[in-house]
């Protein structure tokens, strides 16, 4: 159960090596989260992430989880819930793919779709059912601003995130009133580790569309997304944009006529 301050005491991360997920786990541990499950494919990176979180005072356990193996999800994730209630599930796995290659190799495109959408549908429903059975908890799903209006430059990835986003909203409606809180998080592109924070010029749709990843004022960082997630949990938000100004820009792009949208450098 959440403590007297509303912080989850237990956390399950699906995608245990995600930079955003680990930044979120660090913040939650600092707020008294004591049990963390990191679910992912066995790897040195997963074990290293678990070891680092243990140094912060949490009881951290790892569990084998493969987003593409939907048939294993009920068994693998169900075992975690038999160990005790989970206050928060963070669905943080996904792959960007390679648009040029994926257009030429349909099986590569299918892998993106299966990981980002069908894998998330399977794992999300398993966790949602377990949360509903225990009568409380939050399911937080990392979507993307890319799914709000799918661009030519990454329509395979964007379409998979659009599907995930719609699924999460529907799931939230289905669970409304059950005690389970569902929150979708829509971050902008996450800046590479080496990219410095740019100065923030006056925000316009054209400026956003033309800016490269490292220069766009609407990119973000894992820590910024983590902070927004923690705030959203406290407020029991249903939708979180990171940065918040991204909501306005994406609303404008979403309503742009298709002939105009095609001419934008996005």
Protein backbone atom coordinates (compact mmCIF):
# COMPACT_ATOMS: atom_id res chain seq x y z
CA UNK A 1 0.00 0.00 0.00
CA UNK A 2 1.03 3.62 -0.46
CA UNK A 3 2.37 5.27 2.67
CA UNK A 4 0.81 8.16 4.56
CA UNK A 5 2.41 10.60 2.11
CA UNK A 6 0.92 8.89 -0.96
CA UNK A 7 4.23 7.41 -2.18
CA UNK A 8 4.18 3.83 -3.50
CA UNK A 9 6.05 1.41 -1.29
CA UNK A 10 6.47 -1.17 -4.07
CA UNK A 11 7.30 -0.69 -7.75
CA UNK A 12 7.33 -3.06 -10.72
CA UNK A 13 9.24 -1.83 -13.78
CA UNK A 14 8.61 -3.51 -17.11
CA UNK A 15 11.72 -2.61 -19.04
CA UNK A 16 14.22 -2.66 -16.21
CA UNK A 17 17.07 -0.95 -18.05
CA UNK A 18 15.05 2.03 -19.32
CA UNK A 19 16.76 5.34 -18.50
CA UNK A 20 13.41 6.94 -17.68
CA UNK A 21 12.31 4.00 -15.54
CA UNK A 22 15.53 3.99 -13.53
CA UNK A 23 15.38 7.75 -13.00
CA UNK A 24 11.81 7.29 -11.77
CA UNK A 25 12.84 4.44 -9.45
CA UNK A 26 15.57 6.62 -7.92
CA UNK A 27 13.09 9.39 -7.17
CA UNK A 28 10.56 6.98 -5.70
CA UNK A 29 13.18 5.29 -3.52
CA UNK A 30 14.08 8.72 -2.19
CA UNK A 31 10.38 9.08 -1.33
CA UNK A 32 10.29 5.82 0.66
CA UNK A 33 9.63 3.18 -2.01
CA UNK A 34 11.24 0.09 -0.50
CA UNK A 35 10.62 -2.82 -2.91
CA UNK A 36 11.50 -2.65 -6.60
CA UNK A 37 11.10 -5.35 -9.21
CA UNK A 38 13.06 -4.84 -12.45
CA UNK A 39 11.62 -6.99 -15.23
CA UNK A 40 13.60 -7.44 -18.42
CA UNK A 41 15.76 -9.75 -20.44
CA UNK A 42 18.67 -11.13 -18.40
CA UNK A 43 21.73 -8.98 -19.05
CA UNK A 44 24.66 -7.33 -17.27
CA UNK A 45 22.82 -4.04 -17.69
CA UNK A 46 19.81 -5.32 -15.76
CA UNK A 47 21.96 -6.62 -12.92
CA UNK A 48 23.96 -3.40 -12.83
CA UNK A 49 20.76 -1.36 -12.60
CA UNK A 50 19.53 -3.51 -9.73
CA UNK A 51 22.84 -3.20 -7.88
CA UNK A 52 22.83 0.59 -8.23
CA UNK A 53 19.29 0.88 -6.84
CA UNK A 54 20.20 -1.37 -3.91
CA UNK A 55 22.84 1.14 -2.88
CA UNK A 56 20.00 3.62 -2.40
CA UNK A 57 18.34 1.46 0.22
CA UNK A 58 15.73 -0.52 -1.72
CA UNK A 59 15.12 -4.27 -1.82
CA UNK A 60 15.60 -4.81 -5.57
CA UNK A 61 14.81 -8.03 -7.38
CA UNK A 62 15.09 -8.92 -11.05
CA UNK A 63 12.75 -11.10 -13.08
CA UNK A 64 13.06 -12.51 -16.59
CA UNK A 65 10.65 -10.73 -18.92
CA UNK A 66 10.49 -10.65 -22.72
CA UNK A 67 8.02 -8.25 -24.29
CA UNK A 68 7.87 -10.38 -27.44
CA UNK A 69 6.97 -13.56 -25.56
CA UNK A 70 3.36 -12.71 -24.74
CA UNK A 71 2.54 -16.30 -23.83
CA UNK A 72 4.90 -16.06 -20.85
CA UNK A 73 3.57 -12.79 -19.46
CA UNK A 74 0.79 -14.13 -17.28
CA UNK A 75 3.10 -16.63 -15.59
CA UNK A 76 6.16 -14.38 -15.27
CA UNK A 77 4.30 -11.31 -14.03
CA UNK A 78 1.71 -13.21 -12.04
CA UNK A 79 4.44 -14.65 -9.82
CA UNK A 80 5.48 -11.15 -8.79
CA UNK A 81 2.02 -10.29 -7.52
CA UNK A 82 1.91 -13.50 -5.45
CA UNK A 83 4.86 -12.10 -3.47
CA UNK A 84 2.75 -9.18 -2.24
CA UNK A 85 0.81 -6.16 -3.43
CA UNK A 86 2.37 -3.88 -6.02
CA UNK A 87 1.57 -0.19 -5.61
CA UNK A 88 2.84 0.95 -8.99
CA UNK A 89 3.60 -0.68 -12.33
CA UNK A 90 5.70 1.34 -14.78
CA UNK A 91 5.48 0.02 -18.34
CA UNK A 92 8.65 1.44 -19.84
CA UNK A 93 9.83 -0.92 -22.56
CA UNK A 94 9.90 -0.15 -26.26
CA UNK A 95 12.16 0.15 -29.28
CA UNK A 96 12.56 2.99 -31.78
CA UNK A 97 13.52 0.81 -34.72
CA UNK A 98 15.17 2.14 -37.85
CA UNK A 99 12.62 3.73 -40.18
CA UNK A 100 14.60 3.32 -43.41
CA UNK A 101 15.49 -0.30 -42.72
CA UNK A 102 12.03 -1.13 -41.36
CA UNK A 103 10.35 0.14 -44.54
CA UNK A 104 12.55 -2.20 -46.58
CA UNK A 105 12.34 -5.14 -44.16
CA UNK A 106 8.73 -5.71 -43.08
CA UNK A 107 9.72 -8.24 -40.42
CA UNK A 108 11.80 -5.54 -38.72
CA UNK A 109 8.78 -3.26 -38.77
CA UNK A 110 6.66 -6.02 -37.27
CA UNK A 111 9.17 -6.39 -34.44
CA UNK A 112 8.72 -2.71 -33.59
CA UNK A 113 4.95 -3.10 -33.61
CA UNK A 114 4.99 -6.30 -31.58
CA UNK A 115 7.30 -4.86 -28.94
CA UNK A 116 5.72 -1.44 -28.59
CA UNK A 117 2.08 -2.41 -29.01
CA UNK A 118 1.13 -6.07 -28.73
CA UNK A 119 3.75 -6.77 -26.08
CA UNK A 120 2.49 -3.80 -24.10
CA UNK A 121 -1.15 -4.83 -24.54
CA UNK A 122 -0.38 -8.29 -23.18
CA UNK A 123 1.74 -7.14 -20.24
CA UNK A 124 -0.56 -4.20 -19.52
CA UNK A 125 -3.65 -6.37 -19.29
CA UNK A 126 -1.92 -8.91 -17.04
CA UNK A 127 -0.79 -6.18 -14.65
CA UNK A 128 -4.12 -4.35 -14.81
CA UNK A 129 -5.95 -7.52 -13.85
CA UNK A 130 -3.60 -8.11 -10.91
CA UNK A 131 -3.95 -4.50 -9.71
CA UNK A 132 -7.72 -4.74 -9.96
CA UNK A 133 -7.71 -7.99 -7.98
CA UNK A 134 -5.77 -6.35 -5.15
CA UNK A 135 -8.06 -3.32 -5.32
CA UNK A 136 -5.48 -0.55 -5.61
CA UNK A 137 -2.38 0.62 -7.46
CA UNK A 138 -1.23 2.72 -10.38
CA UNK A 139 -0.36 1.61 -13.91
CA UNK A 140 1.89 4.18 -15.60
CA UNK A 141 2.53 3.70 -19.33
CA UNK A 142 5.28 5.47 -21.25
CA UNK A 143 3.78 6.51 -24.55
CA UNK A 144 5.29 9.23 -26.74
CA UNK A 145 4.42 12.54 -28.31
CA UNK A 146 5.30 10.79 -31.57
CA UNK A 147 1.98 8.96 -31.40
CA UNK A 148 -0.11 12.14 -31.26
CA UNK A 149 0.39 12.95 -34.96
CA UNK A 150 2.40 10.33 -36.84
CA UNK A 151 5.19 11.81 -38.97
CA UNK A 152 6.60 10.55 -42.25
CA UNK A 153 10.05 10.37 -40.67
CA UNK A 154 9.08 7.70 -38.11
CA UNK A 155 5.58 6.50 -38.92
CA UNK A 156 6.28 2.88 -37.98
CA UNK A 157 7.41 3.78 -34.47
CA UNK A 158 4.82 6.57 -34.22
CA UNK A 159 1.95 4.32 -35.22
CA UNK A 160 2.93 1.75 -32.60
CA UNK A 161 2.92 4.46 -29.94
CA UNK A 162 -0.40 5.80 -31.21
CA UNK A 163 -1.89 2.35 -30.70
CA UNK A 164 -0.34 2.05 -27.24
CA UNK A 165 -1.64 5.48 -26.26
CA UNK A 166 -5.20 4.66 -27.38
CA UNK A 167 -5.05 1.30 -25.59
CA UNK A 168 -3.92 2.94 -22.34
CA UNK A 169 -6.68 5.53 -22.45
CA UNK A 170 -9.28 2.82 -23.04
CA UNK A 171 -7.85 0.70 -20.25
CA UNK A 172 -8.03 3.68 -17.91
CA UNK A 173 -11.71 4.10 -18.75
CA UNK A 174 -12.32 0.40 -18.20
CA UNK A 175 -10.68 0.52 -14.76
CA UNK A 176 -12.28 3.76 -13.63
CA UNK A 177 -13.90 3.29 -10.24
CA UNK A 178 -12.04 0.06 -9.44
CA UNK A 179 -9.35 1.69 -7.30
CA UNK A 180 -6.74 1.34 -10.05
CA UNK A 181 -5.21 4.53 -11.42
CA UNK A 182 -3.99 4.53 -15.04
CA UNK A 183 -1.71 7.29 -16.32
CA UNK A 184 -0.28 7.75 -19.81
CA UNK A 185 2.97 9.72 -20.12
CA UNK A 186 3.80 11.47 -23.40
CA UNK A 187 7.41 12.69 -23.42
CA UNK A 188 9.10 14.45 -26.26
CA UNK A 189 12.30 12.98 -27.67
CA UNK A 190 14.76 12.19 -24.89
CA UNK A 191 18.05 13.96 -25.41
CA UNK A 192 21.20 11.83 -25.71
CA UNK A 193 23.34 11.67 -22.58
CA UNK A 194 25.96 13.94 -24.14
CA UNK A 195 23.56 16.60 -25.37
CA UNK A 196 23.57 19.85 -23.39
CA UNK A 197 20.32 21.57 -22.50
CA UNK A 198 19.68 24.21 -25.19
CA UNK A 199 18.58 27.74 -24.56
CA UNK A 200 14.79 27.96 -24.86
CA UNK A 201 13.71 30.36 -27.61
CA UNK A 202 10.16 31.59 -28.17
CA UNK A 203 8.15 28.47 -28.92
CA UNK A 204 6.41 28.11 -32.29
CA UNK A 205 5.21 25.08 -34.24
CA UNK A 206 7.57 25.95 -37.10
CA UNK A 207 10.56 26.25 -34.77
CA UNK A 208 9.70 22.90 -33.17
CA UNK A 209 9.28 21.21 -36.54
CA UNK A 210 12.57 22.46 -37.92
CA UNK A 211 14.77 21.96 -34.87
CA UNK A 212 17.15 18.98 -34.70
CA UNK A 213 16.91 16.66 -31.68
CA UNK A 214 19.72 18.28 -29.71
CA UNK A 215 18.44 21.82 -30.29
CA UNK A 216 14.67 21.48 -29.93
CA UNK A 217 13.22 23.24 -26.89
CA UNK A 218 10.71 20.40 -26.61
CA UNK A 219 13.12 17.55 -26.05
CA UNK A 220 13.46 16.25 -22.53
CA UNK A 221 15.61 14.19 -20.16
CA UNK A 222 14.99 11.03 -18.13
CA UNK A 223 15.11 13.05 -14.90
CA UNK A 224 12.53 15.53 -16.19
CA UNK A 225 10.18 12.71 -17.20
CA UNK A 226 10.70 11.01 -13.83
CA UNK A 227 9.85 14.22 -11.98
CA UNK A 228 6.68 14.60 -14.06
CA UNK A 229 5.70 11.01 -13.33
CA UNK A 230 6.06 11.51 -9.58
CA UNK A 231 4.01 14.71 -9.76
CA UNK A 232 1.38 12.98 -11.87
CA UNK A 233 1.11 10.15 -9.36
CA UNK A 234 0.58 12.62 -6.53
CA UNK A 235 -2.12 14.42 -8.50
CA UNK A 236 -3.60 11.17 -9.87
CA UNK A 237 -3.32 12.63 -13.37
CA UNK A 238 -4.55 10.62 -16.33
CA UNK A 239 -2.27 12.24 -18.92
CA UNK A 240 1.18 13.79 -18.48
CA UNK A 241 3.11 15.70 -21.17
CA UNK A 242 6.85 16.29 -20.78
CA UNK A 243 7.63 19.12 -21.19
CA UNK A 244 4.16 20.52 -20.53
CA UNK A 245 4.39 22.98 -23.43
CA UNK A 246 4.47 20.02 -25.79
CA UNK A 247 0.71 19.66 -25.35
CA UNK A 248 0.08 22.97 -27.13
CA UNK A 249 2.45 22.27 -30.02
CA UNK A 250 1.13 18.75 -30.61
CA UNK A 251 -2.44 20.00 -30.49
CA UNK A 252 -1.60 22.44 -33.29
CA UNK A 253 0.12 19.73 -35.32
CA UNK A 254 -2.72 17.29 -34.73
CA UNK A 255 -5.21 19.74 -36.23
CA UNK A 256 -3.01 20.88 -39.11
CA UNK A 257 -4.57 20.02 -42.50
CA UNK A 258 -2.86 17.03 -44.05
CA UNK A 259 -1.55 18.89 -47.14
CA UNK A 260 0.07 21.46 -44.83
CA UNK A 261 1.41 18.82 -42.46
CA UNK A 262 3.13 17.04 -45.35
CA UNK A 263 5.10 20.21 -46.12
CA UNK A 264 6.35 20.71 -42.57
CA UNK A 265 9.97 19.59 -42.01
CA UNK A 266 9.06 17.00 -39.37
